[in-house]
Protein backbone atom coordinates (compact mmCIF):
# COMPACT_ATOMS: atom_id res chain seq x y z
CA MET A 1 2.92 6.89 -12.19
CA GLU A 2 3.41 10.68 -11.87
CA SER A 3 -0.33 11.15 -10.99
CA LEU A 4 0.17 8.87 -7.96
CA ARG A 5 3.10 11.00 -6.84
CA GLU A 6 1.09 14.13 -7.16
CA TYR A 7 -1.90 12.57 -5.27
CA LEU A 8 0.39 11.52 -2.35
CA LEU A 9 2.04 15.04 -2.26
CA GLU A 10 -1.48 16.70 -1.99
CA GLN A 11 -2.47 14.35 0.81
CA ALA A 12 0.71 14.68 2.81
CA ARG A 13 0.70 16.72 5.87
CA GLU A 14 3.56 19.29 6.22
CA ARG A 15 5.83 18.46 9.07
CA ARG A 16 9.45 17.75 9.91
CA TRP A 17 11.15 14.94 7.94
CA VAL A 18 11.35 11.66 9.97
CA TYR A 19 14.11 10.22 7.78
CA ASP A 20 17.02 11.70 5.84
CA GLN A 21 15.84 12.89 2.37
CA ARG A 22 18.69 11.06 0.71
CA MET A 23 17.39 7.67 1.95
CA VAL A 24 16.14 5.62 -0.97
CA SER A 25 13.91 2.60 -0.89
CA ASP A 26 14.36 -0.28 -3.15
CA LYS A 27 10.67 -1.40 -2.95
CA SER A 28 8.62 -1.11 -6.15
CA PRO A 29 5.28 0.65 -6.30
CA VAL A 30 3.50 -2.73 -6.15
CA GLU A 31 5.39 -3.66 -2.95
CA TRP A 32 4.36 -0.34 -1.40
CA ALA A 33 0.73 -1.09 -2.44
CA GLU A 34 0.85 -4.52 -0.78
CA GLU A 35 2.32 -3.09 2.33
CA ALA A 36 -0.34 -0.36 2.46
CA LEU A 37 -3.08 -2.79 2.24
CA LYS A 38 -1.56 -5.03 4.88
CA GLN A 39 -1.25 -2.03 7.34
CA ALA A 40 -4.95 -0.96 6.69
CA LEU A 41 -6.07 -4.52 7.17
CA MET A 42 -4.13 -4.88 10.46
CA GLU A 43 -5.45 -1.54 11.74
CA LYS A 44 -9.19 -2.46 11.02
CA TYR A 45 -9.15 -6.17 11.90
CA PHE A 46 -6.15 -6.49 14.41
CA GLN A 47 -7.76 -9.15 16.49
CA GLU A 48 -9.54 -11.13 13.88
CA LEU A 49 -6.81 -11.21 11.05
CA PRO A 50 -4.54 -14.32 11.12
CA TYR A 51 -0.84 -13.33 10.93
CA GLN A 52 -0.32 -15.72 8.05
CA THR A 53 -2.07 -13.48 5.47
CA GLY A 54 -0.59 -13.19 1.99
CA ILE A 55 -1.35 -10.20 -0.13
CA LYS A 56 -0.56 -10.00 -3.82
CA VAL A 57 -1.19 -7.28 -6.28
CA VAL A 58 -2.93 -9.13 -9.34
CA SER A 59 -3.86 -5.92 -11.35
CA TRP A 60 -2.53 -2.27 -11.65
CA VAL A 61 -4.46 -0.14 -13.94
CA PRO A 62 -3.86 3.68 -14.25
CA LYS A 63 -6.90 5.55 -15.17
CA LEU A 64 -7.06 8.71 -17.33
CA SER A 65 -8.53 10.57 -14.25
CA GLY A 66 -5.34 9.98 -12.48
CA GLU A 67 -6.60 7.32 -10.18
CA ILE A 68 -5.11 3.87 -10.08
CA ARG A 69 -7.26 0.74 -9.79
CA ILE A 70 -5.32 -1.90 -7.81
CA ASP A 71 -6.88 -5.40 -7.48
CA TYR A 72 -5.40 -7.60 -4.70
CA GLN A 73 -5.52 -11.41 -3.95
CA LEU A 74 -5.66 -12.26 -0.35
CA ASP A 75 -4.46 -15.64 0.99
CA VAL A 76 -5.64 -16.14 4.55
CA ARG A 77 -4.65 -19.25 6.38
CA ASN A 78 -6.74 -20.08 9.33
CA ASP A 79 -6.85 -23.48 11.14
CA ILE A 80 -10.42 -24.14 12.08
């Protein structure tokens, strides 16, 4: 998990803190990954994506290179 932290720190832009640094989240890394995909899908497919979209991480595999392979399952409910 340390490699994910290092990657995120490398990608982060330096700027003023938005939240107090003592603030702690109770979300797991899997929940963060699900939220990140949901946000990316909404940004890309805002008009087309139904609001009732379930996202579930089904596989989380750290690689020796420091990357993480994350497989998701999407449940999209759309009445047609």
